[in-house]
């Protein structure tokens, strides 16, 4: 789903797969639906399991790696960052 306010995307990864380090212009909410993952934000690694979520701040380098097969829902929020 996508509109002017943001996007909602479902991702699925096998163990060892993921998204390489990148940055985004907008805040995002990553919600783990199944499995386990490591989410690295600005060099700090966070381990997440099913049911857990993390906010990825706009402009911060981040990467995602499946430590076990997993699915995530990524919600991008297209609004201005608070100053």
Protein backbone atom coordinates (compact mmCIF):
# COMPACT_ATOMS: atom_id res chain seq x y z
CA UNK A 1 0.00 0.00 0.00
CA UNK A 2 1.27 3.47 -0.82
CA UNK A 3 -0.06 6.98 -0.64
CA UNK A 4 1.16 10.50 0.03
CA UNK A 5 1.37 9.84 3.78
CA UNK A 6 3.62 6.78 3.47
CA UNK A 7 3.94 3.15 2.46
CA UNK A 8 3.36 -0.25 4.02
CA UNK A 9 5.47 -3.11 2.61
CA UNK A 10 5.69 -6.79 3.54
CA UNK A 11 9.18 -8.35 3.28
CA UNK A 12 10.20 -12.01 3.67
CA UNK A 13 13.81 -13.20 4.00
CA UNK A 14 15.55 -16.56 4.33
CA UNK A 15 18.24 -16.94 6.99
CA UNK A 16 21.28 -14.81 6.10
CA UNK A 17 19.41 -12.58 3.65
CA UNK A 18 18.50 -8.95 4.27
CA UNK A 19 18.88 -5.36 3.21
CA UNK A 20 22.34 -3.82 2.95
CA UNK A 21 23.13 -0.59 4.78
CA UNK A 22 21.29 2.43 3.41
CA UNK A 23 19.52 5.59 4.55
CA UNK A 24 15.97 6.83 4.01
CA UNK A 25 14.47 10.30 3.98
CA UNK A 26 11.62 9.34 6.30
CA UNK A 27 11.05 7.57 9.61
CA UNK A 28 10.07 3.90 9.44
CA UNK A 29 8.50 1.36 11.77
CA UNK A 30 9.82 -2.19 11.32
CA UNK A 31 7.55 -4.84 12.85
CA UNK A 32 8.68 -8.50 12.95
CA UNK A 33 5.75 -10.74 12.03
CA UNK A 34 7.61 -14.08 12.11
CA UNK A 35 11.13 -15.29 12.88
CA UNK A 36 14.18 -13.33 14.04
CA UNK A 37 16.38 -10.56 12.67
CA UNK A 38 19.19 -8.15 13.45
CA UNK A 39 18.56 -4.51 12.65
CA UNK A 40 21.63 -2.28 12.74
CA UNK A 41 21.01 1.47 13.07
CA UNK A 42 23.98 3.86 13.08
CA UNK A 43 26.32 0.99 14.01
CA UNK A 44 24.20 -0.35 16.89
CA UNK A 45 22.77 -3.85 16.39
CA UNK A 46 19.34 -4.74 17.77
CA UNK A 47 18.04 -8.34 17.87
CA UNK A 48 14.31 -8.61 17.28
CA UNK A 49 11.90 -11.55 17.47
CA UNK A 50 8.32 -12.14 16.42
CA UNK A 51 6.01 -9.44 17.76
CA UNK A 52 8.75 -6.88 18.39
CA UNK A 53 9.18 -3.60 16.54
CA UNK A 54 11.71 -0.81 16.17
CA UNK A 55 11.61 2.75 14.86
CA UNK A 56 14.27 3.63 12.30
CA UNK A 57 14.98 7.37 12.37
CA UNK A 58 15.15 9.32 9.13
CA UNK A 59 18.63 9.88 7.75
CA UNK A 60 20.32 7.20 9.89
CA UNK A 61 22.25 4.40 8.15
CA UNK A 62 20.58 1.05 8.79
CA UNK A 63 20.65 -2.57 7.62
CA UNK A 64 18.54 -5.68 8.20
CA UNK A 65 19.79 -9.30 8.35
CA UNK A 66 17.72 -12.41 8.97
CA UNK A 67 19.22 -14.54 11.75
CA UNK A 68 16.41 -17.02 11.07
CA UNK A 69 13.86 -17.01 8.30
CA UNK A 70 11.60 -14.01 8.94
CA UNK A 71 8.85 -11.69 7.74
CA UNK A 72 8.53 -8.01 8.52
CA UNK A 73 6.07 -5.24 7.88
CA UNK A 74 7.79 -1.93 7.11
CA UNK A 75 5.76 1.26 7.46
CA UNK A 76 7.41 4.36 6.00
CA UNK A 77 6.03 7.61 7.42
CA UNK A 78 6.34 10.48 4.96
CA UNK A 79 6.14 13.49 7.21
CA UNK A 80 8.62 16.11 8.26
CA UNK A 81 11.00 15.26 11.09
CA UNK A 82 10.36 17.16 14.29
CA UNK A 83 13.08 19.72 14.93
